[in-house]
Amino acid sequence: LATGVSSALQLNALNWLLDKILTIGL
């Protein structure tokens, strides 16, 4: 949910960090 919200609000730094967390999470 945080990844989706950060993407919609164009919070690029936060979105990049969450995206990396999801990648590691897989």
PDB file of all heavy atoms in Angstrom:
ATOM      1  N   LEU A   1       0.829  -1.205   0.000  1.00  0.00           N
ATOM      2  CA  LEU A   1       0.000   0.000   0.000  1.00  0.00           C
ATOM      3  C   LEU A   1       0.867   1.260   0.000  1.00  0.00           C
ATOM      4  O   LEU A   1       0.572   2.230  -0.712  1.00  0.00           O
ATOM      5  CB  LEU A   1      -0.934  -0.006   1.217  1.00  0.00           C
ATOM      6  CG  LEU A   1      -2.051  -1.055   1.209  1.00  0.00           C
ATOM      7  CD1 LEU A   1      -2.816  -1.028   2.529  1.00  0.00           C
ATOM      8  CD2 LEU A   1      -3.001  -0.832   0.038  1.00  0.00           C
ATOM      9  N   ALA A   2       1.929   1.244   0.814  1.00  0.00           N
ATOM     10  CA  ALA A   2       2.825   2.401   0.871  1.00  0.00           C
ATOM     11  C   ALA A   2       3.504   2.627  -0.471  1.00  0.00           C
ATOM     12  O   ALA A   2       3.709   3.770  -0.894  1.00  0.00           O
ATOM     13  CB  ALA A   2       3.866   2.196   1.970  1.00  0.00           C
ATOM     14  N   THR A   3       3.846   1.539  -1.165  1.00  0.00           N
ATOM     15  CA  THR A   3       4.467   1.664  -2.484  1.00  0.00           C
ATOM     16  C   THR A   3       3.506   2.315  -3.477  1.00  0.00           C
ATOM     17  O   THR A   3       3.888   3.199  -4.260  1.00  0.00           O
ATOM     18  CB  THR A   3       4.893   0.278  -3.005  1.00  0.00           C
ATOM     19  OG1 THR A   3       5.799  -0.326  -2.074  1.00  0.00           O
ATOM     20  CG2 THR A   3       5.575   0.402  -4.363  1.00  0.00           C
ATOM     21  N   GLY A   4       2.238   1.886  -3.446  1.00  0.00           N
ATOM     22  CA  GLY A   4       1.241   2.468  -4.336  1.00  0.00           C
ATOM     23  C   GLY A   4       1.002   3.943  -4.066  1.00  0.00           C
ATOM     24  O   GLY A   4       0.913   4.752  -4.994  1.00  0.00           O
ATOM     25  N   VAL A   5       0.925   4.308  -2.782  1.00  0.00           N
ATOM     26  CA  VAL A   5       0.686   5.704  -2.410  1.00  0.00           C
ATOM     27  C   VAL A   5       1.878   6.572  -2.802  1.00  0.00           C
ATOM     28  O   VAL A   5       1.711   7.677  -3.343  1.00  0.00           O
ATOM     29  CB  VAL A   5       0.411   5.814  -0.891  1.00  0.00           C
ATOM     30  CG1 VAL A   5       0.371   7.275  -0.464  1.00  0.00           C
ATOM     31  CG2 VAL A   5      -0.901   5.130  -0.536  1.00  0.00           C
ATOM     32  N   SER A   6       3.098   6.088  -2.539  1.00  0.00           N
ATOM     33  CA  SER A   6       4.285   6.872  -2.881  1.00  0.00           C
ATOM     34  C   SER A   6       4.404   7.059  -4.388  1.00  0.00           C
ATOM     35  O   SER A   6       4.865   8.108  -4.852  1.00  0.00           O
ATOM     36  CB  SER A   6       5.539   6.194  -2.331  1.00  0.00           C
ATOM     37  OG  SER A   6       5.734   4.921  -2.939  1.00  0.00           O
ATOM     38  N   SER A   7       3.974   6.069  -5.155  1.00  0.00           N
ATOM     39  CA  SER A   7       4.012   6.193  -6.616  1.00  0.00           C
ATOM     40  C   SER A   7       2.984   7.213  -7.099  1.00  0.00           C
ATOM     41  O   SER A   7       3.269   8.034  -7.976  1.00  0.00           O
ATOM     42  CB  SER A   7       3.757   4.833  -7.263  1.00  0.00           C
ATOM     43  OG  SER A   7       3.723   4.924  -8.671  1.00  0.00           O
ATOM     44  N   ALA A   8       1.778   7.172  -6.505  1.00  0.00           N
ATOM     45  CA  ALA A   8       0.725   8.098  -6.909  1.00  0.00           C
ATOM     46  C   ALA A   8       1.085   9.539  -6.555  1.00  0.00           C
ATOM     47  O   ALA A   8       0.763  10.473  -7.301  1.00  0.00           O
ATOM     48  CB  ALA A   8      -0.590   7.702  -6.243  1.00  0.00           C
ATOM     49  N   LEU A   9       1.770   9.724  -5.419  1.00  0.00           N
ATOM     50  CA  LEU A   9       2.152  11.068  -4.982  1.00  0.00           C
ATOM     51  C   LEU A   9       3.508  11.495  -5.531  1.00  0.00           C
ATOM     52  O   LEU A   9       3.998  12.576  -5.203  1.00  0.00           O
ATOM     53  CB  LEU A   9       2.170  11.128  -3.450  1.00  0.00           C
ATOM     54  CG  LEU A   9       0.824  10.870  -2.752  1.00  0.00           C
ATOM     55  CD1 LEU A   9       0.995  10.910  -1.246  1.00  0.00           C
ATOM     56  CD2 LEU A   9      -0.217  11.889  -3.187  1.00  0.00           C
ATOM     57  N   GLN A  10       4.106  10.614  -6.337  1.00  0.00           N
ATOM     58  CA  GLN A  10       5.411  10.891  -6.949  1.00  0.00           C
ATOM     59  C   GLN A  10       6.498  11.185  -5.916  1.00  0.00           C
ATOM     60  O   GLN A  10       7.323  12.088  -6.073  1.00  0.00           O
ATOM     61  CB  GLN A  10       5.303  12.052  -7.953  1.00  0.00           C
ATOM     62  CG  GLN A  10       4.377  11.748  -9.133  1.00  0.00           C
ATOM     63  CD  GLN A  10       4.335  12.857 -10.161  1.00  0.00           C
ATOM     64  OE1 GLN A  10       4.844  13.949  -9.930  1.00  0.00           O
ATOM     65  NE2 GLN A  10       3.742  12.582 -11.313  1.00  0.00           N
ATOM     66  N   LEU A  11       6.485  10.394  -4.853  1.00  0.00           N
ATOM     67  CA  LEU A  11       7.547  10.467  -3.846  1.00  0.00           C
ATOM     68  C   LEU A  11       8.647   9.511  -4.299  1.00  0.00           C
ATOM     69  O   LEU A  11       8.725   8.359  -3.878  1.00  0.00           O
ATOM     70  CB  LEU A  11       7.011  10.096  -2.466  1.00  0.00           C
ATOM     71  CG  LEU A  11       5.825  10.920  -1.961  1.00  0.00           C
ATOM     72  CD1 LEU A  11       5.315  10.377  -0.630  1.00  0.00           C
ATOM     73  CD2 LEU A  11       6.232  12.390  -1.820  1.00  0.00           C
ATOM     74  N   ASN A  12       9.489   9.988  -5.185  1.00  0.00           N
ATOM     75  CA  ASN A  12      10.407   9.114  -5.908  1.00  0.00           C
ATOM     76  C   ASN A  12      11.409   8.394  -4.996  1.00  0.00           C
ATOM     77  O   ASN A  12      11.679   7.204  -5.187  1.00  0.00           O
ATOM     78  CB  ASN A  12      11.173   9.929  -6.958  1.00  0.00           C
ATOM     79  CG  ASN A  12      10.234  10.492  -8.019  1.00  0.00           C
ATOM     80  OD1 ASN A  12       9.231   9.871  -8.354  1.00  0.00           O
ATOM     81  ND2 ASN A  12      10.542  11.674  -8.535  1.00  0.00           N
ATOM     82  N   ALA A  13      11.973   9.102  -4.040  1.00  0.00           N
ATOM     83  CA  ALA A  13      12.970   8.490  -3.155  1.00  0.00           C
ATOM     84  C   ALA A  13      12.337   7.372  -2.331  1.00  0.00           C
ATOM     85  O   ALA A  13      12.887   6.264  -2.228  1.00  0.00           O
ATOM     86  CB  ALA A  13      13.588   9.538  -2.241  1.00  0.00           C
ATOM     87  N   LEU A  14      11.169   7.662  -1.741  1.00  0.00           N
ATOM     88  CA  LEU A  14      10.480   6.659  -0.938  1.00  0.00           C
ATOM     89  C   LEU A  14      10.030   5.485  -1.800  1.00  0.00           C
ATOM     90  O   LEU A  14      10.142   4.322  -1.399  1.00  0.00           O
ATOM     91  CB  LEU A  14       9.274   7.291  -0.235  1.00  0.00           C
ATOM     92  CG  LEU A  14       8.425   6.355   0.629  1.00  0.00           C
ATOM     93  CD1 LEU A  14       9.267   5.743   1.740  1.00  0.00           C
ATOM     94  CD2 LEU A  14       7.229   7.097   1.224  1.00  0.00           C
ATOM     95  N   ASN A  15       9.527   5.784  -2.990  1.00  0.00           N
ATOM     96  CA  ASN A  15       9.072   4.725  -3.889  1.00  0.00           C
ATOM     97  C   ASN A  15      10.240   3.821  -4.305  1.00  0.00           C
ATOM     98  O   ASN A  15      10.097   2.596  -4.382  1.00  0.00           O
ATOM     99  CB  ASN A  15       8.418   5.344  -5.127  1.00  0.00           C
ATOM    100  CG  ASN A  15       7.847   4.295  -6.062  1.00  0.00           C
ATOM    101  OD1 ASN A  15       8.430   3.979  -7.101  1.00  0.00           O
ATOM    102  ND2 ASN A  15       6.694   3.760  -5.696  1.00  0.00           N
ATOM    103  N   TRP A  16      11.407   4.418  -4.548  1.00  0.00           N
ATOM    104  CA  TRP A  16      12.586   3.623  -4.908  1.00  0.00           C
ATOM    105  C   TRP A  16      12.981   2.695  -3.764  1.00  0.00           C
ATOM    106  O   TRP A  16      13.283   1.515  -3.976  1.00  0.00           O
ATOM    107  CB  TRP A  16      13.744   4.557  -5.251  1.00  0.00           C
ATOM    108  CG  TRP A  16      15.032   3.833  -5.543  1.00  0.00           C
ATOM    109  CD1 TRP A  16      15.446   3.312  -6.731  1.00  0.00           C
ATOM    110  CD2 TRP A  16      16.070   3.546  -4.593  1.00  0.00           C
ATOM    111  NE1 TRP A  16      16.664   2.721  -6.599  1.00  0.00           N
ATOM    112  CE2 TRP A  16      17.082   2.839  -5.297  1.00  0.00           C
ATOM    113  CE3 TRP A  16      16.243   3.815  -3.237  1.00  0.00           C
ATOM    114  CZ2 TRP A  16      18.243   2.400  -4.668  1.00  0.00           C
ATOM    115  CZ3 TRP A  16      17.401   3.374  -2.620  1.00  0.00           C
ATOM    116  CH2 TRP A  16      18.386   2.683  -3.323  1.00  0.00           C
ATOM    117  N   LEU A  17      12.964   3.223  -2.534  1.00  0.00           N
ATOM    118  CA  LEU A  17      13.337   2.431  -1.367  1.00  0.00           C
ATOM    119  C   LEU A  17      12.374   1.265  -1.162  1.00  0.00           C
ATOM    120  O   LEU A  17      12.793   0.114  -0.946  1.00  0.00           O
ATOM    121  CB  LEU A  17      13.364   3.322  -0.126  1.00  0.00           C
ATOM    122  CG  LEU A  17      13.704   2.622   1.206  1.00  0.00           C
ATOM    123  CD1 LEU A  17      15.101   2.009   1.130  1.00  0.00           C
ATOM    124  CD2 LEU A  17      13.601   3.602   2.359  1.00  0.00           C
ATOM    125  N   LEU A  18      11.064   1.541  -1.250  1.00  0.00           N
ATOM    126  CA  LEU A  18      10.068   0.482  -1.064  1.00  0.00           C
ATOM    127  C   LEU A  18      10.148  -0.556  -2.171  1.00  0.00           C
ATOM    128  O   LEU A  18       9.943  -1.758  -1.936  1.00  0.00           O
ATOM    129  CB  LEU A  18       8.664   1.095  -1.007  1.00  0.00           C
ATOM    130  CG  LEU A  18       8.371   1.977   0.201  1.00  0.00           C
ATOM    131  CD1 LEU A  18       7.009   2.652   0.055  1.00  0.00           C
ATOM    132  CD2 LEU A  18       8.395   1.150   1.489  1.00  0.00           C
ATOM    133  N   ASP A  19      10.434  -0.094  -3.372  1.00  0.00           N
ATOM    134  CA  ASP A  19      10.570  -1.026  -4.493  1.00  0.00           C
ATOM    135  C   ASP A  19      11.737  -1.982  -4.269  1.00  0.00           C
ATOM    136  O   ASP A  19      11.635  -3.184  -4.566  1.00  0.00           O
ATOM    137  CB  ASP A  19      10.772  -0.236  -5.789  1.00  0.00           C
ATOM    138  CG  ASP A  19      10.826  -1.155  -7.002  1.00  0.00           C
ATOM    139  OD1 ASP A  19       9.805  -1.801  -7.297  1.00  0.00           O
ATOM    140  OD2 ASP A  19      11.888  -1.215  -7.656  1.00  0.00           O
ATOM    141  N   LYS A  20      12.833  -1.487  -3.736  1.00  0.00           N
ATOM    142  CA  LYS A  20      13.981  -2.345  -3.452  1.00  0.00           C
ATOM    143  C   LYS A  20      13.650  -3.329  -2.325  1.00  0.00           C
ATOM    144  O   LYS A  20      14.078  -4.492  -2.353  1.00  0.00           O
ATOM    145  CB  LYS A  20      15.197  -1.502  -3.064  1.00  0.00           C
ATOM    146  CG  LYS A  20      15.702  -0.583  -4.174  1.00  0.00           C
ATOM    147  CD  LYS A  20      16.061  -1.373  -5.423  1.00  0.00           C
ATOM    148  CE  LYS A  20      16.537  -0.447  -6.531  1.00  0.00           C
ATOM    149  NZ  LYS A  20      16.814  -1.198  -7.789  1.00  0.00           N
ATOM    150  N   ILE A  21      12.880  -2.858  -1.327  1.00  0.00           N
ATOM    151  CA  ILE A  21      12.479  -3.743  -0.228  1.00  0.00           C
ATOM    152  C   ILE A  21      11.627  -4.883  -0.753  1.00  0.00           C
ATOM    153  O   ILE A  21      11.781  -6.046  -0.351  1.00  0.00           O
ATOM    154  CB  ILE A  21      11.728  -2.937   0.848  1.00  0.00           C
ATOM    155  CG1 ILE A  21      12.695  -1.972   1.561  1.00  0.00           C
ATOM    156  CG2 ILE A  21      11.071  -3.872   1.868  1.00  0.00           C
ATOM    157  CD1 ILE A  21      12.013  -1.056   2.561  1.00  0.00           C
ATOM    158  N   LEU A  22      10.702  -4.575  -1.668  1.00  0.00           N
ATOM    159  CA  LEU A  22       9.851  -5.610  -2.255  1.00  0.00           C
ATOM    160  C   LEU A  22      10.668  -6.605  -3.069  1.00  0.00           C
ATOM    161  O   LEU A  22      10.395  -7.815  -3.045  1.00  0.00           O
ATOM    162  CB  LEU A  22       8.776  -4.966  -3.137  1.00  0.00           C
ATOM    163  CG  LEU A  22       7.636  -4.253  -2.415  1.00  0.00           C
ATOM    164  CD1 LEU A  22       6.717  -3.561  -3.410  1.00  0.00           C
ATOM    165  CD2 LEU A  22       6.837  -5.246  -1.565  1.00  0.00           C
ATOM    166  N   THR A  23      11.669  -6.103  -3.777  1.00  0.00           N
ATOM    167  CA  THR A  23      12.516  -6.992  -4.575  1.00  0.00           C
ATOM    168  C   THR A  23      13.264  -7.977  -3.683  1.00  0.00           C
ATOM    169  O   THR A  23      13.324  -9.179  -3.961  1.00  0.00           O
ATOM    170  CB  THR A  23      13.530  -6.169  -5.396  1.00  0.00           C
ATOM    171  OG1 THR A  23      12.830  -5.261  -6.244  1.00  0.00           O
ATOM    172  CG2 THR A  23      14.400  -7.090  -6.243  1.00  0.00           C
ATOM    173  N   ILE A  24      13.825  -7.447  -2.588  1.00  0.00           N
ATOM    174  CA  ILE A  24      14.522  -8.317  -1.642  1.00  0.00           C
ATOM    175  C   ILE A  24      13.534  -9.263  -0.979  1.00  0.00           C
ATOM    176  O   ILE A  24      13.833 -10.434  -0.727  1.00  0.00           O
ATOM    177  CB  ILE A  24      15.258  -7.468  -0.578  1.00  0.00           C
ATOM    178  CG1 ILE A  24      16.333  -6.612  -1.248  1.00  0.00           C
ATOM    179  CG2 ILE A  24      15.873  -8.354   0.499  1.00  0.00           C
ATOM    180  CD1 ILE A  24      17.001  -5.616  -0.322  1.00  0.00           C
ATOM    181  N   GLY A  25      12.311  -8.748  -0.714  1.00  0.00           N
ATOM    182  CA  GLY A  25      11.290  -9.563  -0.063  1.00  0.00           C
ATOM    183  C   GLY A  25      10.894 -10.790  -0.858  1.00  0.00           C
ATOM    184  O   GLY A  25      10.543 -11.830  -0.290  1.00  0.00           O
ATOM    185  N   LEU A  26      10.945 -10.694  -2.191  1.00  0.00           N
ATOM    186  CA  LEU A  26      10.599 -11.837  -3.035  1.00  0.00           C
ATOM    187  C   LEU A  26      11.525 -13.018  -2.778  1.00  0.00           C
ATOM    188  O   LEU A  26      11.111 -14.179  -2.843  1.00  0.00           O
ATOM    189  CB  LEU A  26      10.651 -11.441  -4.513  1.00  0.00           C
ATOM    190  CG  LEU A  26       9.561 -10.480  -4.994  1.00  0.00           C
ATOM    191  CD1 LEU A  26       9.795 -10.105  -6.454  1.00  0.00           C
ATOM    192  CD2 LEU A  26       8.179 -11.104  -4.821  1.00  0.00           C
TER     193      LEU A  26
END
